[in-house]
């Protein structure tokens, strides 16, 4: 009897327990990867203020970048992600420009609201000639653990989406209060799970809802536009970094190109340039 129980434990119960433990470890690791950082609680990304930038020279366009890991440039070291690429392209076009980047890995919209309360951030925004913003991706991915089992990436909970709408509205309101005129470009959301998504239709529908929320919230803010990115990564896993979540160099280059194409022509030309604006 004892021998039979021992064999049952070794051949059935022990492997099942090991399998459950492995699944739990995988789930924890996947959640940490989606959060954009390992070992940092969701929503508690550290507020890291960059070294204060010197005043811009006369005629220099100050670009201020706000948001999450896409703004920070995760996956594109040392090139600096799409904000740095936008600034470099402006310089190549003989438009003097400099960059102040406040991007933080794992940042949610709640965290960005808190960051806007910092004096150095408000001062940088007030002096900006262009404001770049990427937010909402972590609000979506951080809501995934609470999504019922079996649903696809993009069926996020209604509270998560409602929170993003409210927070983004307040974010844009505060940016406009600090700077009434600078163009604001909001990077849209894309699907990083191009190879893993079991139900592509559900995923596309969910991302459409989240991107629509970005669009609808920005409509009432003069000079604010959402720059779509969904199509840039759909069936283009080669544009992702090795982590298969953040963009890689080619992905950031595509985002930067699209941001540049959305800017008003006068912004692309130096104020003291003798060349006609294109």
C-alpha atoms as a PDB file:
ATOM      1  CA  UNK A   1       0.000   0.000   0.000  1.00  0.00           C
ATOM      2  CA  UNK A   2       2.793   2.333   0.926  1.00  0.00           C
ATOM      3  CA  UNK A   3       4.655   1.460  -2.264  1.00  0.00           C
ATOM      4  CA  UNK A   4       1.571   2.210  -4.385  1.00  0.00           C
ATOM      5  CA  UNK A   5       1.082   5.581  -2.683  1.00  0.00           C
ATOM      6  CA  UNK A   6       4.740   6.423  -3.192  1.00  0.00           C
ATOM      7  CA  UNK A   7       4.552   5.584  -6.883  1.00  0.00           C
ATOM      8  CA  UNK A   8       1.384   7.661  -7.249  1.00  0.00           C
ATOM      9  CA  UNK A   9       3.103  10.632  -5.605  1.00  0.00           C
ATOM     10  CA  UNK A  10       6.229  10.353  -7.772  1.00  0.00           C
ATOM     11  CA  UNK A  11       4.481   9.810 -11.097  1.00  0.00           C
ATOM     12  CA  UNK A  12       1.395  12.018 -10.762  1.00  0.00           C
ATOM     13  CA  UNK A  13       1.252  14.456  -7.868  1.00  0.00           C
ATOM     14  CA  UNK A  14       4.878  15.618  -7.867  1.00  0.00           C
ATOM     15  CA  UNK A  15       5.001  16.436 -11.620  1.00  0.00           C
ATOM     16  CA  UNK A  16       1.678  18.269 -11.349  1.00  0.00           C
ATOM     17  CA  UNK A  17       2.962  20.361  -8.447  1.00  0.00           C
ATOM     18  CA  UNK A  18       6.142  21.185 -10.361  1.00  0.00           C
ATOM     19  CA  UNK A  19       4.099  22.170 -13.392  1.00  0.00           C
ATOM     20  CA  UNK A  20       1.892  24.501 -11.366  1.00  0.00           C
ATOM     21  CA  UNK A  21       4.937  26.114  -9.761  1.00  0.00           C
ATOM     22  CA  UNK A  22       6.574  26.638 -13.142  1.00  0.00           C
ATOM     23  CA  UNK A  23       3.404  28.211 -14.501  1.00  0.00           C
ATOM     24  CA  UNK A  24       3.259  30.581 -11.540  1.00  0.00           C
ATOM     25  CA  UNK A  25       6.891  31.598 -12.012  1.00  0.00           C
ATOM     26  CA  UNK A  26       6.265  32.211 -15.724  1.00  0.00           C
ATOM     27  CA  UNK A  27       3.222  34.364 -14.986  1.00  0.00           C
ATOM     28  CA  UNK A  28       5.153  36.483 -12.491  1.00  0.00           C
ATOM     29  CA  UNK A  29       8.032  36.921 -14.927  1.00  0.00           C
ATOM     30  CA  UNK A  30       5.732  37.834 -17.800  1.00  0.00           C
ATOM     31  CA  UNK A  31       3.967  40.391 -15.631  1.00  0.00           C
ATOM     32  CA  UNK A  32       7.279  41.946 -14.635  1.00  0.00           C
ATOM     33  CA  UNK A  33       8.357  42.157 -18.271  1.00  0.00           C
ATOM     34  CA  UNK A  34       5.109  43.860 -19.261  1.00  0.00           C
ATOM     35  CA  UNK A  35       5.538  46.367 -16.469  1.00  0.00           C
ATOM     36  CA  UNK A  36       8.696  47.581 -18.159  1.00  0.00           C
ATOM     37  CA  UNK A  37      10.813  46.884 -15.110  1.00  0.00           C
ATOM     38  CA  UNK A  38      11.649  43.995 -12.822  1.00  0.00           C
ATOM     39  CA  UNK A  39      11.117  44.243  -9.084  1.00  0.00           C
ATOM     40  CA  UNK A  40       9.224  47.554  -9.175  1.00  0.00           C
ATOM     41  CA  UNK A  41       5.592  47.572  -7.995  1.00  0.00           C
ATOM     42  CA  UNK A  42       3.047  48.552 -10.648  1.00  0.00           C
ATOM     43  CA  UNK A  43       2.276  52.278 -10.581  1.00  0.00           C
ATOM     44  CA  UNK A  44       5.209  53.166  -8.349  1.00  0.00           C
ATOM     45  CA  UNK A  45       7.827  54.023 -10.961  1.00  0.00           C
ATOM     46  CA  UNK A  46      10.477  56.264  -9.446  1.00  0.00           C
ATOM     47  CA  UNK A  47      10.250  59.951 -10.279  1.00  0.00           C
ATOM     48  CA  UNK A  48      13.646  60.735 -11.743  1.00  0.00           C
ATOM     49  CA  UNK A  49      14.301  64.339 -12.652  1.00  0.00           C
ATOM     50  CA  UNK A  50      16.883  64.832 -15.408  1.00  0.00           C
ATOM     51  CA  UNK A  51      19.735  67.245 -15.043  1.00  0.00           C
ATOM     52  CA  UNK A  52      18.230  70.686 -15.694  1.00  0.00           C
ATOM     53  CA  UNK A  53      18.868  71.685 -19.285  1.00  0.00           C
ATOM     54  CA  UNK A  54      20.579  74.986 -19.983  1.00  0.00           C
ATOM     55  CA  UNK A  55      18.463  77.686 -21.600  1.00  0.00           C
ATOM     56  CA  UNK A  56      17.995  77.176 -25.318  1.00  0.00           C
ATOM     57  CA  UNK A  57      19.983  79.427 -27.615  1.00  0.00           C
ATOM     58  CA  UNK A  58      18.051  81.993 -29.592  1.00  0.00           C
ATOM     59  CA  UNK A  59      16.182  80.292 -32.443  1.00  0.00           C
ATOM     60  CA  UNK A  60      16.605  76.824 -30.929  1.00  0.00           C
ATOM     61  CA  UNK A  61      13.507  74.663 -30.654  1.00  0.00           C
ATOM     62  CA  UNK A  62      13.168  73.160 -27.175  1.00  0.00           C
ATOM     63  CA  UNK A  63      11.583  69.680 -27.395  1.00  0.00           C
ATOM     64  CA  UNK A  64      10.177  68.268 -24.152  1.00  0.00           C
ATOM     65  CA  UNK A  65       9.350  64.553 -24.025  1.00  0.00           C
ATOM     66  CA  UNK A  66       7.036  63.122 -21.363  1.00  0.00           C
ATOM     67  CA  UNK A  67       5.826  59.608 -20.647  1.00  0.00           C
ATOM     68  CA  UNK A  68       6.757  55.975 -20.364  1.00  0.00           C
ATOM     69  CA  UNK A  69       9.442  53.616 -21.685  1.00  0.00           C
ATOM     70  CA  UNK A  70       8.822  54.631 -25.308  1.00  0.00           C
ATOM     71  CA  UNK A  71       9.713  58.202 -24.397  1.00  0.00           C
ATOM     72  CA  UNK A  72      12.685  56.931 -22.391  1.00  0.00           C
ATOM     73  CA  UNK A  73      13.820  54.948 -25.446  1.00  0.00           C
ATOM     74  CA  UNK A  74      13.936  51.468 -23.898  1.00  0.00           C
ATOM     75  CA  UNK A  75      15.162  49.047 -26.563  1.00  0.00           C
ATOM     76  CA  UNK A  76      17.035  51.720 -28.494  1.00  0.00           C
ATOM     77  CA  UNK A  77      20.172  52.354 -26.457  1.00  0.00           C
ATOM     78  CA  UNK A  78      22.170  54.474 -27.064  1.00  0.00           C
ATOM     79  CA  UNK A  79      20.149  56.167 -29.821  1.00  0.00           C
ATOM     80  CA  UNK A  80      17.557  57.467 -27.353  1.00  0.00           C
ATOM     81  CA  UNK A  81      14.234  56.364 -28.827  1.00  0.00           C
ATOM     82  CA  UNK A  82      11.856  58.420 -30.924  1.00  0.00           C
ATOM     83  CA  UNK A  83      12.353  61.790 -29.110  1.00  0.00           C
ATOM     84  CA  UNK A  84      16.094  61.835 -29.763  1.00  0.00           C
ATOM     85  CA  UNK A  85      15.517  60.763 -33.353  1.00  0.00           C
ATOM     86  CA  UNK A  86      13.016  63.595 -33.874  1.00  0.00           C
ATOM     87  CA  UNK A  87      15.528  66.119 -32.563  1.00  0.00           C
ATOM     88  CA  UNK A  88      18.371  64.700 -34.687  1.00  0.00           C
ATOM     89  CA  UNK A  89      16.189  64.869 -37.803  1.00  0.00           C
ATOM     90  CA  UNK A  90      15.307  68.495 -37.064  1.00  0.00           C
ATOM     91  CA  UNK A  91      18.998  69.322 -36.716  1.00  0.00           C
ATOM     92  CA  UNK A  92      19.810  67.615 -39.995  1.00  0.00           C
ATOM     93  CA  UNK A  93      17.135  69.793 -41.571  1.00  0.00           C
ATOM     94  CA  UNK A  94      19.020  72.826 -40.243  1.00  0.00           C
ATOM     95  CA  UNK A  95      16.445  73.462 -37.521  1.00  0.00           C
ATOM     96  CA  UNK A  96      18.369  74.000 -34.262  1.00  0.00           C
ATOM     97  CA  UNK A  97      16.750  71.892 -31.544  1.00  0.00           C
ATOM     98  CA  UNK A  98      17.505  70.459 -28.117  1.00  0.00           C
ATOM     99  CA  UNK A  99      15.776  67.843 -25.976  1.00  0.00           C
ATOM    100  CA  UNK A 100      14.657  67.477 -22.373  1.00  0.00           C
ATOM    101  CA  UNK A 101      13.468  63.900 -21.796  1.00  0.00           C
ATOM    102  CA  UNK A 102      11.380  63.029 -18.718  1.00  0.00           C
ATOM    103  CA  UNK A 103      10.575  59.453 -19.804  1.00  0.00           C
ATOM    104  CA  UNK A 104      10.359  56.759 -17.111  1.00  0.00           C
ATOM    105  CA  UNK A 105      10.093  53.014 -17.685  1.00  0.00           C
ATOM    106  CA  UNK A 106       6.807  51.548 -16.462  1.00  0.00           C
ATOM    107  CA  UNK A 107       5.095  54.920 -15.998  1.00  0.00           C
ATOM    108  CA  UNK A 108       1.293  54.953 -15.953  1.00  0.00           C
ATOM    109  CA  UNK A 109      -0.950  57.966 -16.463  1.00  0.00           C
ATOM    110  CA  UNK A 110      -1.333  58.350 -12.676  1.00  0.00           C
ATOM    111  CA  UNK A 111       2.441  58.633 -12.364  1.00  0.00           C
ATOM    112  CA  UNK A 112       2.682  61.196 -15.140  1.00  0.00           C
ATOM    113  CA  UNK A 113       0.118  63.375 -13.370  1.00  0.00           C
ATOM    114  CA  UNK A 114       2.271  63.283 -10.253  1.00  0.00           C
ATOM    115  CA  UNK A 115       5.342  64.131 -12.291  1.00  0.00           C
ATOM    116  CA  UNK A 116       3.678  67.206 -13.772  1.00  0.00           C
ATOM    117  CA  UNK A 117       3.531  68.653 -10.255  1.00  0.00           C
ATOM    118  CA  UNK A 118       7.341  68.999 -10.199  1.00  0.00           C
ATOM    119  CA  UNK A 119       8.570  72.554 -10.726  1.00  0.00           C
ATOM    120  CA  UNK A 120      11.350  71.536 -13.128  1.00  0.00           C
ATOM    121  CA  UNK A 121       8.843  69.705 -15.338  1.00  0.00           C
ATOM    122  CA  UNK A 122       6.424  72.654 -15.459  1.00  0.00           C
ATOM    123  CA  UNK A 123       9.282  75.034 -16.247  1.00  0.00           C
ATOM    124  CA  UNK A 124      10.528  72.816 -19.075  1.00  0.00           C
ATOM    125  CA  UNK A 125       7.029  72.542 -20.540  1.00  0.00           C
ATOM    126  CA  UNK A 126       6.568  76.312 -20.375  1.00  0.00           C
ATOM    127  CA  UNK A 127       9.744  76.824 -22.428  1.00  0.00           C
ATOM    128  CA  UNK A 128       8.964  74.089 -24.989  1.00  0.00           C
ATOM    129  CA  UNK A 129       8.347  74.661 -28.672  1.00  0.00           C
ATOM    130  CA  UNK A 130       7.245  71.017 -29.141  1.00  0.00           C
ATOM    131  CA  UNK A 131       5.892  68.527 -26.600  1.00  0.00           C
ATOM    132  CA  UNK A 132       6.052  64.760 -27.190  1.00  0.00           C
ATOM    133  CA  UNK A 133       3.985  62.362 -25.096  1.00  0.00           C
ATOM    134  CA  UNK A 134       3.621  58.587 -24.856  1.00  0.00           C
ATOM    135  CA  UNK A 135       1.291  57.284 -22.154  1.00  0.00           C
ATOM    136  CA  UNK A 136      -1.411  54.654 -21.763  1.00  0.00           C
ATOM    137  CA  UNK A 137       0.486  51.527 -22.785  1.00  0.00           C
ATOM    138  CA  UNK A 138       1.271  50.617 -19.188  1.00  0.00           C
ATOM    139  CA  UNK A 139      -2.273  51.424 -18.081  1.00  0.00           C
ATOM    140  CA  UNK A 140      -3.328  48.736 -20.558  1.00  0.00           C
ATOM    141  CA  UNK A 141      -0.692  46.072 -19.906  1.00  0.00           C
ATOM    142  CA  UNK A 142      -0.785  46.532 -16.132  1.00  0.00           C
ATOM    143  CA  UNK A 143      -4.526  45.789 -16.213  1.00  0.00           C
ATOM    144  CA  UNK A 144      -3.966  42.403 -17.865  1.00  0.00           C
ATOM    145  CA  UNK A 145      -3.552  40.314 -14.661  1.00  0.00           C
ATOM    146  CA  UNK A 146      -7.079  41.303 -13.614  1.00  0.00           C
ATOM    147  CA  UNK A 147      -8.546  40.346 -16.978  1.00  0.00           C
ATOM    148  CA  UNK A 148     -10.567  37.092 -16.836  1.00  0.00           C
ATOM    149  CA  UNK A 149      -8.674  34.025 -18.007  1.00  0.00           C
ATOM    150  CA  UNK A 150      -9.096  33.216 -21.667  1.00  0.00           C
ATOM    151  CA  UNK A 151      -9.652  36.790 -22.863  1.00  0.00           C
ATOM    152  CA  UNK A 152      -7.233  38.365 -25.309  1.00  0.00           C
ATOM    153  CA  UNK A 153      -4.764  41.164 -24.731  1.00  0.00           C
ATOM    154  CA  UNK A 154      -7.138  43.819 -25.624  1.00  0.00           C
ATOM    155  CA  UNK A 155     -10.185  43.263 -23.520  1.00  0.00           C
ATOM    156  CA  UNK A 156      -8.994  45.500 -20.689  1.00  0.00           C
ATOM    157  CA  UNK A 157     -11.253  46.330 -17.806  1.00  0.00           C
ATOM    158  CA  UNK A 158     -13.514  49.321 -18.218  1.00  0.00           C
ATOM    159  CA  UNK A 159     -12.098  51.030 -15.102  1.00  0.00           C
ATOM    160  CA  UNK A 160      -8.579  50.997 -16.560  1.00  0.00           C
ATOM    161  CA  UNK A 161      -9.728  52.689 -19.746  1.00  0.00           C
ATOM    162  CA  UNK A 162     -11.907  55.186 -17.872  1.00  0.00           C
ATOM    163  CA  UNK A 163      -8.955  56.076 -15.656  1.00  0.00           C
ATOM    164  CA  UNK A 164      -6.774  56.721 -18.697  1.00  0.00           C
ATOM    165  CA  UNK A 165      -9.388  59.033 -20.218  1.00  0.00           C
ATOM    166  CA  UNK A 166      -9.674  61.050 -17.033  1.00  0.00           C
ATOM    167  CA  UNK A 167      -5.933  61.220 -16.422  1.00  0.00           C
ATOM    168  CA  UNK A 168      -5.056  62.129 -20.003  1.00  0.00           C
ATOM    169  CA  UNK A 169      -7.610  64.923 -19.931  1.00  0.00           C
ATOM    170  CA  UNK A 170      -5.993  66.344 -16.799  1.00  0.00           C
ATOM    171  CA  UNK A 171      -2.488  65.844 -18.243  1.00  0.00           C
ATOM    172  CA  UNK A 172      -3.313  67.789 -21.403  1.00  0.00           C
ATOM    173  CA  UNK A 173      -5.093  70.468 -19.383  1.00  0.00           C
ATOM    174  CA  UNK A 174      -2.009  70.982 -17.211  1.00  0.00           C
ATOM    175  CA  UNK A 175       0.321  71.017 -20.207  1.00  0.00           C
ATOM    176  CA  UNK A 176      -1.822  73.656 -21.893  1.00  0.00           C
ATOM    177  CA  UNK A 177      -1.979  75.705 -18.695  1.00  0.00           C
ATOM    178  CA  UNK A 178       1.831  75.784 -18.650  1.00  0.00           C
ATOM    179  CA  UNK A 179       2.231  76.235 -22.396  1.00  0.00           C
ATOM    180  CA  UNK A 180      -0.759  77.489 -24.432  1.00  0.00           C
ATOM    181  CA  UNK A 181       0.801  77.200 -27.882  1.00  0.00           C
ATOM    182  CA  UNK A 182       3.395  74.420 -28.401  1.00  0.00           C
ATOM    183  CA  UNK A 183       2.230  71.500 -30.583  1.00  0.00           C
ATOM    184  CA  UNK A 184       1.580  68.312 -28.593  1.00  0.00           C
ATOM    185  CA  UNK A 185       2.124  64.952 -30.273  1.00  0.00           C
ATOM    186  CA  UNK A 186       0.738  61.875 -28.513  1.00  0.00           C
ATOM    187  CA  UNK A 187       2.119  58.510 -29.620  1.00  0.00           C
ATOM    188  CA  UNK A 188      -0.664  55.995 -30.249  1.00  0.00           C
ATOM    189  CA  UNK A 189      -0.653  52.420 -28.957  1.00  0.00           C
ATOM    190  CA  UNK A 190       0.462  49.359 -30.915  1.00  0.00           C
ATOM    191  CA  UNK A 191       0.230  45.613 -30.348  1.00  0.00           C
ATOM    192  CA  UNK A 192       3.587  44.175 -29.259  1.00  0.00           C
ATOM    193  CA  UNK A 193       2.181  40.636 -29.072  1.00  0.00           C
ATOM    194  CA  UNK A 194       2.062  40.119 -32.825  1.00  0.00           C
ATOM    195  CA  UNK A 195       3.116  36.479 -32.633  1.00  0.00           C
ATOM    196  CA  UNK A 196       1.417  35.439 -29.383  1.00  0.00           C
ATOM    197  CA  UNK A 197      -2.086  36.875 -29.728  1.00  0.00           C
ATOM    198  CA  UNK A 198      -4.551  34.021 -30.066  1.00  0.00           C
ATOM    199  CA  UNK A 199      -7.452  36.205 -31.168  1.00  0.00           C
ATOM    200  CA  UNK A 200      -6.198  38.968 -33.453  1.00  0.00           C
ATOM    201  CA  UNK A 201      -9.663  40.412 -33.996  1.00  0.00           C
ATOM    202  CA  UNK A 202     -10.241  40.860 -30.261  1.00  0.00           C
ATOM    203  CA  UNK A 203      -6.800  42.409 -29.907  1.00  0.00           C
ATOM    204  CA  UNK A 204      -7.401  44.857 -32.744  1.00  0.00           C
ATOM    205  CA  UNK A 205     -10.819  45.829 -31.378  1.00  0.00           C
ATOM    206  CA  UNK A 206      -9.397  46.501 -27.926  1.00  0.00           C
ATOM    207  CA  UNK A 207      -6.520  48.613 -29.209  1.00  0.00           C
ATOM    208  CA  UNK A 208      -9.009  50.511 -31.343  1.00  0.00           C
ATOM    209  CA  UNK A 209     -10.946  51.369 -28.165  1.00  0.00           C
ATOM    210  CA  UNK A 210      -7.815  52.540 -26.362  1.00  0.00           C
ATOM    211  CA  UNK A 211      -6.507  54.543 -29.318  1.00  0.00           C
ATOM    212  CA  UNK A 212      -9.974  56.052 -29.779  1.00  0.00           C
ATOM    213  CA  UNK A 213      -9.832  57.170 -26.151  1.00  0.00           C
ATOM    214  CA  UNK A 214      -6.549  58.963 -26.862  1.00  0.00           C
ATOM    215  CA  UNK A 215      -8.048  60.596 -29.965  1.00  0.00           C
ATOM    216  CA  UNK A 216     -11.300  61.654 -28.312  1.00  0.00           C
ATOM    217  CA  UNK A 217      -9.529  63.108 -25.286  1.00  0.00           C
ATOM    218  CA  UNK A 218      -7.142  65.129 -27.455  1.00  0.00           C
ATOM    219  CA  UNK A 219      -9.873  66.580 -29.716  1.00  0.00           C
ATOM    220  CA  UNK A 220     -10.706  69.462 -27.399  1.00  0.00           C
ATOM    221  CA  UNK A 221      -7.066  70.486 -26.884  1.00  0.00           C
ATOM    222  CA  UNK A 222      -5.797  72.899 -29.561  1.00  0.00           C
ATOM    223  CA  UNK A 223      -2.573  71.738 -31.186  1.00  0.00           C
ATOM    224  CA  UNK A 224      -2.760  68.200 -29.769  1.00  0.00           C
ATOM    225  CA  UNK A 225      -2.674  65.284 -32.205  1.00  0.00           C
ATOM    226  CA  UNK A 226      -2.402  61.522 -31.803  1.00  0.00           C
ATOM    227  CA  UNK A 227       0.274  59.957 -34.015  1.00  0.00           C
ATOM    228  CA  UNK A 228      -0.925  56.444 -34.962  1.00  0.00           C
ATOM    229  CA  UNK A 229       1.553  53.575 -34.631  1.00  0.00           C
ATOM    230  CA  UNK A 230      -0.603  50.431 -34.748  1.00  0.00           C
ATOM    231  CA  UNK A 231       0.059  49.760 -38.428  1.00  0.00           C
ATOM    232  CA  UNK A 232       3.811  50.288 -38.000  1.00  0.00           C
ATOM    233  CA  UNK A 233       4.120  47.113 -35.920  1.00  0.00           C
ATOM    234  CA  UNK A 234       1.254  44.958 -37.187  1.00  0.00           C
ATOM    235  CA  UNK A 235       2.897  41.818 -38.603  1.00  0.00           C
ATOM    236  CA  UNK A 236       6.268  43.579 -38.265  1.00  0.00           C
ATOM    237  CA  UNK A 237       7.918  41.859 -35.318  1.00  0.00           C
ATOM    238  CA  UNK A 238      11.254  42.810 -36.887  1.00  0.00           C
ATOM    239  CA  UNK A 239      10.614  46.366 -35.709  1.00  0.00           C
ATOM    240  CA  UNK A 240      10.545  45.256 -32.069  1.00  0.00           C
ATOM    241  CA  UNK A 241      13.544  45.034 -29.764  1.00  0.00           C
ATOM    242  CA  UNK A 242      14.837  41.622 -28.598  1.00  0.00           C
ATOM    243  CA  UNK A 243      12.416  41.777 -25.641  1.00  0.00           C
ATOM    244  CA  UNK A 244       9.579  41.547 -28.203  1.00  0.00           C
ATOM    245  CA  UNK A 245       7.709  44.283 -26.379  1.00  0.00           C
ATOM    246  CA  UNK A 246       9.411  47.641 -26.897  1.00  0.00           C
ATOM    247  CA  UNK A 247      10.310  49.003 -30.324  1.00  0.00           C
ATOM    248  CA  UNK A 248      13.787  48.367 -31.632  1.00  0.00           C
ATOM    249  CA  UNK A 249      15.883  50.910 -33.568  1.00  0.00           C
ATOM    250  CA  UNK A 250      13.880  50.530 -36.789  1.00  0.00           C
ATOM    251  CA  UNK A 251      10.588  50.783 -34.860  1.00  0.00           C
ATOM    252  CA  UNK A 252      11.635  53.991 -33.117  1.00  0.00           C
ATOM    253  CA  UNK A 253      12.828  55.371 -36.454  1.00  0.00           C
ATOM    254  CA  UNK A 254       9.377  54.739 -37.948  1.00  0.00           C
ATOM    255  CA  UNK A 255       7.666  56.459 -35.016  1.00  0.00           C
ATOM    256  CA  UNK A 256       9.991  59.465 -35.289  1.00  0.00           C
ATOM    257  CA  UNK A 257       9.359  59.760 -39.027  1.00  0.00           C
ATOM    258  CA  UNK A 258       5.621  59.753 -38.469  1.00  0.00           C
ATOM    259  CA  UNK A 259       5.875  62.348 -35.681  1.00  0.00           C
ATOM    260  CA  UNK A 260       7.921  64.602 -37.956  1.00  0.00           C
ATOM    261  CA  UNK A 261       5.403  64.237 -40.788  1.00  0.00           C
ATOM    262  CA  UNK A 262       2.651  65.496 -38.460  1.00  0.00           C
ATOM    263  CA  UNK A 263       4.411  68.724 -37.478  1.00  0.00           C
ATOM    264  CA  UNK A 264       3.455  72.115 -38.931  1.00  0.00           C
ATOM    265  CA  UNK A 265       5.840  73.304 -41.620  1.00  0.00           C
ATOM    266  CA  UNK A 266       6.927  76.505 -39.787  1.00  0.00           C
ATOM    267  CA  UNK A 267       8.185  74.387 -36.910  1.00  0.00           C
ATOM    268  CA  UNK A 268      10.597  72.564 -39.217  1.00  0.00           C
ATOM    269  CA  UNK A 269      12.317  75.746 -40.368  1.00  0.00           C
ATOM    270  CA  UNK A 270      14.684  77.883 -38.320  1.00  0.00           C
ATOM    271  CA  UNK A 271      13.232  81.270 -37.464  1.00  0.00           C
ATOM    272  CA  UNK A 272      16.259  83.008 -38.914  1.00  0.00           C
ATOM    273  CA  UNK A 273      16.569  80.787 -41.983  1.00  0.00           C
ATOM    274  CA  UNK A 274      16.596  82.484 -45.358  1.00  0.00           C
ATOM    275  CA  UNK A 275      15.315  79.329 -47.061  1.00  0.00           C
ATOM    276  CA  UNK A 276      11.610  79.162 -47.889  1.00  0.00           C
ATOM    277  CA  UNK A 277       9.538  76.799 -45.732  1.00  0.00           C
ATOM    278  CA  UNK A 278       8.667  73.512 -47.424  1.00  0.00           C
END
